[in-house]
Amino acid sequence: MSDDDDVKSLKTNADAMYEDGKVEEAITLYAKAINASKRNDQGVDVHKKLHYNSTAAYAQLTTYRSEILDAET
């Protein structure tokens, strides 16, 4: 598998995890995809999209944790 395929596969899997509500797993896969894309110089657009998706996942995780904390109080 080429680095291009690796990045695409990681992103696809991360997107699927995010859609399934498995946000922490998605964050891990986005980080791996970001690192793989750096090694292969995937270009600015790929980096932007991966970082955007990762940030969205972190935001979702923060919101989810905040909701849990609110429910516990």
Protein backbone atom coordinates (compact mmCIF):
# COMPACT_ATOMS: atom_id res chain seq x y z
CA MET A 1 0.00 0.00 0.00
CA SER A 2 1.41 3.40 -0.93
CA ASP A 3 1.53 6.33 1.47
CA ASP A 4 -1.23 7.98 -0.60
CA ASP A 5 -3.44 4.94 -0.10
CA ASP A 6 -2.52 4.83 3.58
CA VAL A 7 -3.59 8.45 4.10
CA LYS A 8 -6.82 7.93 2.17
CA SER A 9 -7.60 4.74 4.07
CA LEU A 10 -6.88 6.34 7.44
CA LYS A 11 -9.06 9.35 6.57
CA THR A 12 -11.89 7.14 5.32
CA ASN A 13 -11.77 5.04 8.49
CA ALA A 14 -11.54 8.14 10.69
CA ASP A 15 -14.55 9.67 8.94
CA ALA A 16 -16.51 6.46 9.48
CA MET A 17 -15.59 6.36 13.17
CA TYR A 18 -16.65 9.99 13.56
CA GLU A 19 -19.98 9.32 11.84
CA ASP A 20 -20.53 6.30 14.13
CA GLY A 21 -19.95 8.47 17.21
CA LYS A 22 -16.59 6.87 17.97
CA VAL A 23 -14.93 10.24 18.32
CA GLU A 24 -11.83 9.21 20.27
CA GLU A 25 -11.04 6.51 17.72
CA ALA A 26 -11.56 9.04 14.92
CA ILE A 27 -9.13 11.46 16.57
CA THR A 28 -6.49 8.73 16.76
CA LEU A 29 -6.94 7.87 13.08
CA TYR A 30 -6.88 11.52 12.01
CA ALA A 31 -3.58 11.96 13.88
CA LYS A 32 -2.13 8.94 12.09
CA ALA A 33 -3.35 10.28 8.74
CA ILE A 34 -1.82 13.69 9.45
CA ASN A 35 1.52 12.09 10.27
CA ALA A 36 1.37 9.88 7.18
CA SER A 37 0.49 12.83 4.97
CA LYS A 38 3.48 14.78 6.31
CA ARG A 39 5.82 11.93 5.36
CA ASN A 40 4.41 11.84 1.87
CA ASP A 41 3.99 15.60 1.35
CA GLN A 42 0.31 15.25 0.53
CA GLY A 43 -0.16 18.97 0.00
CA VAL A 44 -1.88 21.79 1.78
CA ASP A 45 -5.45 20.79 0.90
CA VAL A 46 -5.08 17.34 2.43
CA HIS A 47 -3.51 18.77 5.58
CA LYS A 48 -6.27 21.36 5.90
CA LYS A 49 -9.01 18.75 5.58
CA LEU A 50 -7.38 16.36 8.05
CA HIS A 51 -6.80 19.12 10.59
CA TYR A 52 -10.32 20.45 10.10
CA ASN A 53 -11.84 17.01 10.65
CA SER A 54 -9.62 16.40 13.65
CA THR A 55 -10.62 19.73 15.17
CA ALA A 56 -14.29 18.94 14.60
CA ALA A 57 -13.82 15.60 16.35
CA TYR A 58 -12.12 17.29 19.31
CA ALA A 59 -14.96 19.81 19.47
CA GLN A 60 -17.49 16.98 19.45
CA LEU A 61 -15.59 15.19 22.20
CA THR A 62 -15.45 18.35 24.31
CA THR A 63 -19.18 18.94 23.81
CA TYR A 64 -19.94 15.33 24.69
CA ARG A 65 -17.87 15.50 27.87
CA SER A 66 -19.48 18.81 28.82
CA GLU A 67 -22.90 17.24 28.40
CA ILE A 68 -21.89 14.35 30.66
CA LEU A 69 -20.62 16.76 33.30
CA ASP A 70 -23.86 18.74 33.09
CA ALA A 71 -25.88 15.55 33.52
CA GLU A 72 -23.83 14.54 36.56
CA THR A 73 -24.46 17.81 38.40
